[in-house]
Amino acid sequence: VTEPVHHRMVSAFVACTASGIGGSNAHTILWGKACIRQNKMENPVQAEDVLTFWPGGGGDLDPMCEPRRGCSIVGSWALMDSPQQMRNEGLDQFSFTVTLGEHGFEWFQIWLDGERERILHPGAVKGQSTAKVQGPHHYCQVATFGWCIDTRPGQSEDPRQYPEEGMPGDEFKVQLLTKGRFRSVTWERLGSQNVQRNGLPKTMGRYFIVGSWNDWQPEEMNLDDEAIGRFSIKAAMSTGKQRFQILRNRDWRQIIYPDPGSGDDQDATVKGPDGTGHASCWSIEVQPSRNVIMIDLELWEEDQSFSDDRKSRSAVSKMKVSWRSIRKQELSE
């Protein structure tokens, strides 16, 4: 024996034989058990846990993990859980072109055959392109897990991970590649942009308000001013305290909410869009004499309005939410 090796179990029999120079032979059988409370037992690392992808392939993928009709992508740029067909490029490779939205990041999952029961994901809320592809799993298990193309500085949980280069309107090619039992999801920035008037990306999000006065059902806000990205809505409310949040693309994983504990303040720091602000809401004290409230969301500040010498806007960095009472309206029973 030249090196120590691990036993497969916490207990084991060990035999030892010795021969003396006088002709005597001895054989001893020993039994021992490790004390788990004192010794941390490490699980053996399997090869598939070490390698997230192997270009040469190897092994066979479970037929349940293969698409029968194709793959669809579900992303934050579209209304919640709206599958879009990926392009079949042959050789078990699928692709889709993602246009970066106004916040400088987009999040996505891949659904086999467009089915919410067969979702591929990275096992993390904001997975990187180096993450191992997991699944397929049911939607109820992995609703918040997905890959994230993020160009915002300081957003990665890993300080060694640099943000992607890009601006709103930039296009990224997302690819799903299968080699044997190995799968990978990667993306690369293309040299093209997909923008419309005023430098807004073609995938400019839609915004919905949810509040205590409408039983938290999403109501779409109107885009009133493209220069600063102002979305507004009028709502007739019952008197007393009313609470609300804002959703991007009617998606509860893209909540816009106030800094916790400051929902009464119109100058509160605006957080999101993300899926962590479920408990944080703005609060309005509605008066009987003026119970119709105008609520505004501004994505850019006045001094960040679009200039014609740039092809696209900078990403949203500081949002503002405000409200004001405008008139009285009798509420129907």
Protein backbone atom coordinates (compact mmCIF):
# COMPACT_ATOMS: atom_id res chain seq x y z
CA VAL A 1 0.00 0.00 0.00
CA THR A 2 1.51 3.30 -1.08
CA GLU A 3 -1.32 5.74 -0.35
CA PRO A 4 -4.39 5.95 1.90
CA VAL A 5 -7.75 5.34 0.27
CA HIS A 6 -11.30 6.05 1.49
CA HIS A 7 -13.64 3.24 2.47
CA ARG A 8 -17.09 3.26 0.93
CA MET A 9 -18.77 2.84 4.35
CA VAL A 10 -18.30 4.27 7.82
CA SER A 11 -17.37 0.78 9.13
CA ALA A 12 -15.10 -1.89 7.69
CA PHE A 13 -13.21 -5.14 8.35
CA VAL A 14 -9.43 -4.99 7.76
CA ALA A 15 -7.06 -7.98 7.66
CA CYS A 16 -3.32 -8.02 8.28
CA THR A 17 -0.93 -10.98 7.79
CA ALA A 18 2.64 -11.26 9.09
CA SER A 19 5.37 -13.95 8.77
CA GLY A 20 8.19 -14.33 11.30
CA ILE A 21 11.79 -15.38 10.53
CA GLY A 22 11.33 -18.48 12.74
CA GLY A 23 8.49 -19.78 10.56
CA SER A 24 5.56 -18.47 12.58
CA ASN A 25 2.63 -16.94 10.69
CA ALA A 26 -0.06 -14.68 12.14
CA HIS A 27 -3.28 -13.29 10.65
CA THR A 28 -5.38 -10.64 12.39
CA ILE A 29 -8.86 -9.46 11.45
CA LEU A 30 -9.81 -5.98 12.69
CA TRP A 31 -13.13 -4.14 12.64
CA GLY A 32 -13.53 -0.39 13.02
CA LYS A 33 -16.15 2.32 12.70
CA ALA A 34 -15.68 6.05 12.20
CA CYS A 35 -17.31 8.42 14.67
CA ILE A 36 -19.47 10.64 12.49
CA ARG A 37 -19.77 13.25 15.22
CA GLN A 38 -16.02 13.84 15.11
CA ASN A 39 -15.23 13.14 11.47
CA LYS A 40 -16.90 14.95 8.59
CA MET A 41 -17.63 12.39 5.91
CA GLU A 42 -17.37 13.74 2.38
CA ASN A 43 -19.58 12.38 -0.36
CA PRO A 44 -17.63 10.95 -3.30
CA VAL A 45 -17.53 13.36 -6.23
CA GLN A 46 -18.91 11.91 -9.44
CA ALA A 47 -17.49 12.84 -12.83
CA GLU A 48 -20.76 14.42 -13.98
CA ASP A 49 -20.61 16.78 -10.97
CA VAL A 50 -17.12 17.96 -11.94
CA LEU A 51 -17.77 18.50 -15.64
CA THR A 52 -20.57 20.86 -16.62
CA PHE A 53 -19.95 20.21 -20.32
CA TRP A 54 -17.69 18.07 -22.49
CA PRO A 55 -17.47 19.04 -26.20
CA GLY A 56 -16.73 15.47 -27.22
CA GLY A 57 -19.90 14.23 -25.60
CA GLY A 58 -20.06 10.89 -23.85
CA GLY A 59 -22.89 8.73 -22.60
CA ASP A 60 -26.53 8.99 -23.52
CA LEU A 61 -29.07 11.54 -22.37
CA ASP A 62 -32.24 10.20 -20.79
CA PRO A 63 -35.01 10.28 -23.46
CA MET A 64 -37.17 12.21 -20.98
CA CYS A 65 -34.57 15.01 -21.15
CA GLU A 66 -34.78 15.35 -24.92
CA PRO A 67 -37.27 17.54 -26.81
CA ARG A 68 -39.71 15.82 -29.13
CA ARG A 69 -40.86 18.86 -31.12
CA GLY A 70 -38.31 21.51 -30.25
CA CYS A 71 -37.34 23.98 -27.54
CA SER A 72 -38.93 27.23 -26.40
CA ILE A 73 -37.45 30.08 -24.39
CA VAL A 74 -39.33 31.97 -21.68
CA GLY A 75 -37.79 35.31 -20.72
CA SER A 76 -38.26 38.51 -18.78
CA TRP A 77 -38.60 40.54 -22.01
CA ALA A 78 -42.06 39.07 -22.72
CA LEU A 79 -45.23 38.81 -20.67
CA MET A 80 -44.91 36.30 -17.85
CA ASP A 81 -44.50 32.68 -18.96
CA SER A 82 -44.97 33.30 -22.70
CA PRO A 83 -42.92 30.62 -24.54
CA GLN A 84 -41.19 31.65 -27.77
CA GLN A 85 -39.91 29.04 -30.23
CA MET A 86 -36.14 28.63 -30.49
CA ARG A 87 -34.51 28.05 -33.88
CA ASN A 88 -33.43 24.47 -34.56
CA GLU A 89 -29.92 24.69 -36.04
CA GLY A 90 -29.46 20.92 -36.30
CA LEU A 91 -26.98 18.66 -34.52
CA ASP A 92 -28.94 19.04 -31.26
CA GLN A 93 -28.43 22.80 -31.19
CA PHE A 94 -31.12 25.46 -30.64
CA SER A 95 -30.74 29.25 -30.63
CA PHE A 96 -32.69 32.44 -29.96
CA THR A 97 -31.81 36.13 -30.30
CA VAL A 98 -32.46 38.13 -27.14
CA THR A 99 -32.71 41.93 -27.21
CA LEU A 100 -31.51 43.54 -24.00
CA GLY A 101 -34.27 45.58 -22.35
CA GLU A 102 -34.25 48.97 -20.67
CA HIS A 103 -32.84 47.70 -17.34
CA GLY A 104 -29.68 46.26 -18.89
CA PHE A 105 -30.40 42.63 -18.06
CA GLU A 106 -32.70 39.81 -19.11
CA TRP A 107 -33.53 36.50 -17.43
CA PHE A 108 -34.69 33.28 -19.10
CA GLN A 109 -35.49 29.55 -18.87
CA ILE A 110 -35.73 26.91 -21.61
CA TRP A 111 -38.90 24.79 -21.88
CA LEU A 112 -38.68 21.48 -23.72
CA ASP A 113 -41.53 21.29 -26.26
CA GLY A 114 -42.89 24.51 -24.71
CA GLU A 115 -44.14 22.54 -21.68
CA ARG A 116 -44.04 24.03 -18.17
CA GLU A 117 -43.58 20.50 -16.80
CA ARG A 118 -40.19 20.14 -18.58
CA ILE A 119 -38.03 23.16 -17.76
CA LEU A 120 -34.23 23.40 -18.13
CA HIS A 121 -32.54 25.74 -15.65
CA PRO A 122 -29.14 26.42 -13.98
CA GLY A 123 -30.27 25.66 -10.42
CA ALA A 124 -29.86 29.32 -9.43
CA VAL A 125 -31.90 32.54 -9.58
CA LYS A 126 -29.29 34.32 -11.73
CA GLY A 127 -27.29 31.56 -13.41
CA GLN A 128 -24.21 32.31 -15.46
CA SER A 129 -23.29 30.71 -18.80
CA THR A 130 -20.84 28.45 -16.94
CA ALA A 131 -23.62 26.89 -14.83
CA LYS A 132 -24.53 23.25 -15.27
CA VAL A 133 -27.80 22.70 -17.15
CA GLN A 134 -30.29 20.97 -14.85
CA GLY A 135 -33.71 19.46 -15.45
CA PRO A 136 -36.16 19.05 -16.88
CA HIS A 137 -38.20 19.89 -13.79
CA HIS A 138 -41.76 21.05 -13.18
CA TYR A 139 -42.56 24.78 -13.07
CA CYS A 140 -43.65 24.65 -9.44
CA GLN A 141 -40.16 23.45 -8.47
CA VAL A 142 -38.04 25.92 -10.46
CA ALA A 143 -40.23 28.96 -11.18
CA THR A 144 -37.53 31.40 -9.99
CA PHE A 145 -34.48 29.62 -11.46
CA GLY A 146 -33.02 30.86 -14.74
CA TRP A 147 -30.02 32.21 -16.60
CA CYS A 148 -29.33 35.96 -16.52
CA ILE A 149 -27.60 38.12 -19.15
CA ASP A 150 -26.57 41.05 -16.96
CA THR A 151 -24.61 44.14 -18.05
CA ARG A 152 -25.05 46.00 -14.76
CA PRO A 153 -21.87 46.43 -12.67
CA GLY A 154 -21.81 45.02 -9.15
CA GLN A 155 -24.80 42.69 -9.56
CA SER A 156 -23.05 39.32 -9.51
CA GLU A 157 -22.84 37.40 -6.24
CA ASP A 158 -19.38 36.23 -7.33
CA PRO A 159 -16.89 39.16 -7.24
CA ARG A 160 -14.76 37.35 -9.83
CA GLN A 161 -17.63 37.47 -12.33
CA TYR A 162 -17.46 40.52 -14.60
CA PRO A 163 -20.66 41.93 -16.10
CA GLU A 164 -21.45 41.38 -19.75
CA GLU A 165 -20.70 44.24 -22.12
CA GLY A 166 -23.76 45.82 -23.65
CA MET A 167 -26.49 48.44 -23.59
CA PRO A 168 -30.28 48.33 -23.91
CA GLY A 169 -31.14 47.33 -27.46
CA ASP A 170 -28.06 45.14 -27.95
CA GLU A 171 -28.75 41.66 -29.27
CA PHE A 172 -27.41 38.44 -27.74
CA LYS A 173 -27.51 34.99 -29.32
CA VAL A 174 -28.49 32.33 -26.78
CA GLN A 175 -27.59 28.72 -27.64
CA LEU A 176 -28.54 25.35 -26.16
CA LEU A 177 -26.09 22.64 -27.20
CA THR A 178 -26.32 18.90 -26.41
CA LYS A 179 -23.38 16.49 -26.72
CA GLY A 180 -24.14 13.01 -25.42
CA ARG A 181 -25.36 13.40 -21.87
CA PHE A 182 -23.78 16.85 -21.56
CA ARG A 183 -25.70 20.09 -22.20
CA SER A 184 -24.66 23.74 -22.15
CA VAL A 185 -26.39 27.11 -22.41
CA THR A 186 -24.21 29.98 -23.62
CA TRP A 187 -24.66 33.40 -25.17
CA GLU A 188 -22.65 35.94 -27.13
CA ARG A 189 -23.25 39.58 -27.96
CA LEU A 190 -23.94 40.26 -31.62
CA GLY A 191 -22.84 43.39 -33.41
CA SER A 192 -26.40 44.62 -33.88
CA GLN A 193 -29.02 46.65 -32.04
CA ASN A 194 -32.80 46.46 -32.00
CA VAL A 195 -34.04 49.94 -31.06
CA GLN A 196 -37.02 52.09 -31.93
CA ARG A 197 -37.79 55.81 -31.65
CA ASN A 198 -36.22 57.78 -28.79
CA GLY A 199 -33.57 55.09 -28.39
CA LEU A 200 -35.93 52.68 -26.62
CA PRO A 201 -35.21 48.96 -27.09
CA LYS A 202 -37.77 47.01 -29.12
CA THR A 203 -38.26 44.83 -26.04
CA MET A 204 -39.23 47.81 -23.88
CA GLY A 205 -41.17 46.35 -20.98
CA ARG A 206 -44.82 46.90 -20.12
CA TYR A 207 -45.67 47.89 -16.56
CA PHE A 208 -48.62 46.81 -14.45
CA ILE A 209 -49.82 48.03 -11.07
CA VAL A 210 -51.10 45.64 -8.41
CA GLY A 211 -52.75 46.96 -5.26
CA SER A 212 -54.99 46.32 -2.34
CA TRP A 213 -57.91 48.18 -4.01
CA ASN A 214 -57.99 45.79 -7.01
CA ASP A 215 -57.31 42.54 -5.13
CA TRP A 216 -53.71 42.55 -6.42
CA GLN A 217 -54.78 41.91 -10.00
CA PRO A 218 -52.39 43.48 -12.59
CA GLU A 219 -53.67 46.59 -14.40
CA GLU A 220 -51.54 47.96 -17.21
CA MET A 221 -50.06 51.46 -16.93
CA ASN A 222 -49.93 53.84 -19.90
CA LEU A 223 -46.67 55.12 -21.42
CA ASP A 224 -47.20 58.90 -21.27
CA ASP A 225 -43.68 60.23 -21.88
CA GLU A 226 -41.07 58.27 -23.84
CA ALA A 227 -38.30 60.80 -23.07
CA ILE A 228 -38.14 59.82 -19.40
CA GLY A 229 -40.08 56.57 -19.63
CA ARG A 230 -43.06 57.76 -17.59
CA PHE A 231 -45.85 55.22 -17.06
CA SER A 232 -49.06 56.39 -15.38
CA ILE A 233 -52.42 55.07 -14.21
CA LYS A 234 -55.50 56.55 -12.50
CA ALA A 235 -57.22 54.48 -9.85
CA ALA A 236 -60.34 55.14 -7.79
CA MET A 237 -59.78 53.78 -4.29
CA SER A 238 -61.67 53.29 -1.06
CA THR A 239 -60.72 55.65 1.74
CA GLY A 240 -58.03 54.67 4.21
CA LYS A 241 -54.65 53.10 3.69
CA GLN A 242 -54.02 51.40 0.33
CA ARG A 243 -50.87 49.54 -0.73
CA PHE A 244 -49.37 48.80 -4.13
CA GLN A 245 -46.41 47.48 -6.13
CA ILE A 246 -45.49 47.56 -9.83
CA LEU A 247 -44.72 44.57 -12.05
CA ARG A 248 -42.67 44.55 -15.23
CA ASN A 249 -44.36 42.45 -17.92
CA ARG A 250 -46.98 41.20 -15.43
CA ASP A 251 -44.29 39.02 -13.88
CA TRP A 252 -44.10 38.45 -10.10
CA ARG A 253 -40.40 37.72 -10.57
CA GLN A 254 -39.98 41.36 -11.74
CA ILE A 255 -41.39 43.40 -8.86
CA ILE A 256 -40.65 47.12 -8.50
CA TYR A 257 -40.95 48.09 -4.84
CA PRO A 258 -39.72 50.63 -2.24
CA ASP A 259 -36.77 50.20 0.07
CA PRO A 260 -38.19 48.14 2.98
CA GLY A 261 -39.69 50.31 5.71
CA SER A 262 -40.04 53.44 3.56
CA GLY A 263 -43.23 52.79 1.58
CA ASP A 264 -44.94 55.96 2.87
CA ASP A 265 -42.22 58.19 1.41
CA GLN A 266 -42.40 59.25 -2.24
CA ASP A 267 -38.65 59.88 -2.11
CA ALA A 268 -37.92 56.29 -1.07
CA THR A 269 -35.29 54.40 -3.02
CA VAL A 270 -36.94 52.29 -5.71
CA LYS A 271 -35.77 48.68 -5.90
CA GLY A 272 -36.10 46.01 -8.59
CA PRO A 273 -37.23 44.64 -10.85
CA ASP A 274 -36.58 41.33 -9.09
CA GLY A 275 -38.40 38.62 -7.16
CA THR A 276 -37.31 39.53 -3.62
CA GLY A 277 -39.65 42.42 -2.79
CA HIS A 278 -42.94 40.64 -2.14
CA ALA A 279 -43.28 42.07 1.39
CA SER A 280 -42.37 45.69 0.54
CA CYS A 281 -45.16 47.99 -0.75
CA TRP A 282 -45.87 51.67 -1.18
CA SER A 283 -48.64 52.97 1.08
CA ILE A 284 -51.17 55.73 0.26
CA GLU A 285 -53.55 57.38 2.75
CA VAL A 286 -56.67 58.00 0.62
CA GLN A 287 -58.94 60.90 1.66
CA PRO A 288 -62.74 60.79 1.12
CA SER A 289 -62.72 64.14 -0.70
CA ARG A 290 -60.13 63.09 -3.31
CA ASN A 291 -60.12 59.35 -3.74
CA VAL A 292 -58.91 59.17 -7.38
CA ILE A 293 -55.13 58.79 -7.33
CA MET A 294 -52.68 59.28 -10.20
CA ILE A 295 -49.63 57.01 -9.85
CA ASP A 296 -46.49 57.61 -11.95
CA LEU A 297 -43.42 55.49 -12.60
CA GLU A 298 -40.41 57.27 -14.16
CA LEU A 299 -37.58 55.08 -15.43
CA TRP A 300 -35.09 57.84 -16.22
CA GLU A 301 -34.47 61.20 -14.58
CA GLU A 302 -35.05 64.44 -16.47
CA ASP A 303 -31.31 64.97 -17.00
CA GLN A 304 -31.03 61.48 -18.52
CA SER A 305 -33.43 62.21 -21.37
CA PHE A 306 -32.43 60.81 -24.72
CA SER A 307 -30.01 62.66 -26.98
CA ASP A 308 -30.00 62.06 -30.71
CA ASP A 309 -26.23 61.47 -30.97
CA ARG A 310 -26.54 58.02 -29.37
CA LYS A 311 -28.08 54.93 -30.88
CA SER A 312 -29.59 53.71 -27.62
CA ARG A 313 -30.22 54.83 -24.07
CA SER A 314 -28.20 53.94 -21.02
CA ALA A 315 -29.74 51.32 -18.76
CA VAL A 316 -32.22 52.37 -16.09
CA SER A 317 -30.32 53.15 -12.91
CA LYS A 318 -32.60 55.29 -10.73
CA MET A 319 -36.38 54.99 -10.92
CA LYS A 320 -38.94 57.22 -9.25
CA VAL A 321 -42.49 56.41 -8.11
CA SER A 322 -44.89 59.20 -7.14
CA TRP A 323 -48.62 59.75 -6.66
CA ARG A 324 -51.11 62.58 -6.21
CA SER A 325 -54.82 62.97 -5.52
CA ILE A 326 -56.73 64.52 -8.42
CA ARG A 327 -60.49 64.34 -7.74
CA LYS A 328 -63.38 62.55 -6.07
CA GLN A 329 -65.33 59.68 -7.58
CA GLU A 330 -68.25 57.76 -6.14
CA LEU A 331 -67.51 54.05 -5.96
CA SER A 332 -70.11 51.54 -7.06
CA GLU A 333 -71.20 48.91 -4.58
